[in-house]
Protein backbone atom coordinates (compact mmCIF):
# COMPACT_ATOMS: atom_id res chain seq x y z
CA MET A 1 121.94 105.92 0.46
CA THR A 2 121.33 109.12 -1.44
CA THR A 3 119.29 112.05 -0.22
CA ARG A 4 116.45 110.98 -2.50
CA GLU A 5 116.52 107.44 -1.11
CA ASP A 6 116.63 108.79 2.45
CA TYR A 7 113.61 110.97 1.75
CA ILE A 8 111.66 108.06 0.29
CA GLU A 9 112.50 105.83 3.25
CA LYS A 10 111.41 108.51 5.72
CA ALA A 11 108.19 109.07 3.78
CA LYS A 12 107.46 105.33 3.83
CA ALA A 13 108.08 105.27 7.59
CA LYS A 14 105.60 108.14 8.06
CA ILE A 15 102.96 106.27 6.09
CA ASP A 16 103.62 103.13 8.15
CA GLU A 17 103.13 105.16 11.33
CA MET A 18 99.89 106.56 9.93
CA ASN A 19 98.69 103.05 9.12
CA ALA A 20 99.31 102.02 12.72
CA GLU A 21 97.40 105.05 13.98
CA ILE A 22 94.47 104.29 11.67
CA GLU A 23 94.34 100.78 13.12
CA LYS A 24 94.32 102.18 16.67
CA GLN A 25 91.48 104.51 15.77
CA LYS A 26 89.60 101.64 14.15
CA ALA A 27 89.71 99.77 17.45
CA ARG A 28 88.20 102.82 19.18
CA VAL A 29 85.48 103.03 16.56
CA ASP A 30 84.59 99.40 17.16
CA GLU A 31 84.09 100.21 20.86
CA ALA A 32 81.99 103.34 20.27
CA GLY A 33 78.21 103.57 20.50
CA ALA A 34 76.10 103.01 17.40
CA ASP A 35 75.59 106.69 16.50
CA ALA A 36 79.23 107.60 17.04
CA ARG A 37 80.39 104.51 15.19
CA ILE A 38 78.74 105.64 11.94
CA LYS A 39 80.41 109.05 12.08
CA TYR A 40 83.79 107.62 13.07
CA ARG A 41 83.68 105.07 10.26
CA GLU A 42 83.13 107.87 7.76
CA GLU A 43 86.11 109.73 9.16
CA LEU A 44 88.25 106.60 9.08
CA GLU A 45 87.31 106.13 5.44
CA GLN A 46 88.43 109.68 4.67
CA MET A 47 91.73 109.04 6.45
CA ARG A 48 92.23 105.85 4.48
CA ASN A 49 91.52 107.68 1.23
CA ARG A 50 94.09 110.35 2.03
CA ARG A 51 96.57 107.68 3.11
CA ASP A 52 96.03 105.93 -0.23
CA GLU A 53 96.66 109.25 -1.96
CA ALA A 54 99.92 109.68 -0.06
CA GLU A 55 100.97 106.13 -0.92
CA ALA A 56 100.23 106.77 -4.60
CA GLN A 57 102.30 109.96 -4.45
CA LEU A 58 105.13 107.99 -2.83
CA THR A 59 105.02 105.44 -5.64
CA ARG A 60 105.19 108.23 -8.22
CA LEU A 61 108.03 109.77 -6.23
CA ARG A 62 110.00 106.51 -6.36
CA ASP A 63 109.44 106.23 -10.11
CA ALA A 64 110.16 109.87 -10.94
CA SER A 65 113.06 110.82 -13.14
CA ASP A 66 115.77 112.97 -11.64
CA ASP A 67 114.33 115.96 -13.51
CA ALA A 68 110.85 115.43 -12.05
CA TRP A 69 112.05 114.59 -8.53
CA GLN A 70 111.55 118.03 -6.96
CA ASP A 71 108.06 118.44 -8.44
CA MET A 72 107.07 114.98 -7.26
CA LYS A 73 108.50 115.68 -3.82
CA ALA A 74 106.30 118.77 -3.56
CA GLY A 75 103.27 116.69 -4.57
CA PHE A 76 104.00 114.13 -1.88
CA GLU A 77 104.46 116.82 0.75
CA SER A 78 101.09 118.30 -0.19
CA ALA A 79 99.39 114.90 0.09
CA TRP A 80 101.15 114.28 3.40
CA GLU A 81 99.98 117.62 4.83
CA SER A 82 96.40 116.79 3.88
CA LEU A 83 96.66 113.36 5.49
CA SER A 84 98.25 114.70 8.67
CA SER A 85 95.62 117.39 9.02
CA SER A 86 92.79 114.90 8.53
CA MET A 87 94.30 112.53 11.03
CA GLU A 88 94.76 115.23 13.67
CA ASN A 89 91.19 116.45 13.21
CA ALA A 90 89.74 112.96 13.39
CA MET A 91 91.79 112.02 16.44
CA ALA A 92 90.53 115.11 18.23
CA ARG A 93 86.95 114.01 17.56
CA PHE A 94 87.65 110.43 18.65
CA ARG A 95 88.66 111.59 22.12
């Protein structure tokens, strides 16, 4: 496996972990009171949107030419940072 392929596999694994965490948080939302549930659902939706953005970046990363690889990698890393930050913030509020 090349470095590029390794990077893509690791990125996919991170997204899979994030999907699992979103599902865990969804279960907590379902158990929350009515007022909290509305707010938590909005935050879950934001996390899902950022996750979708990261997945789209990963797809573009897979399809990128060798010349565009580094630029696409930077784009994915930016999307991943945004997703990670959102997830950390939301998890702190879910506690």
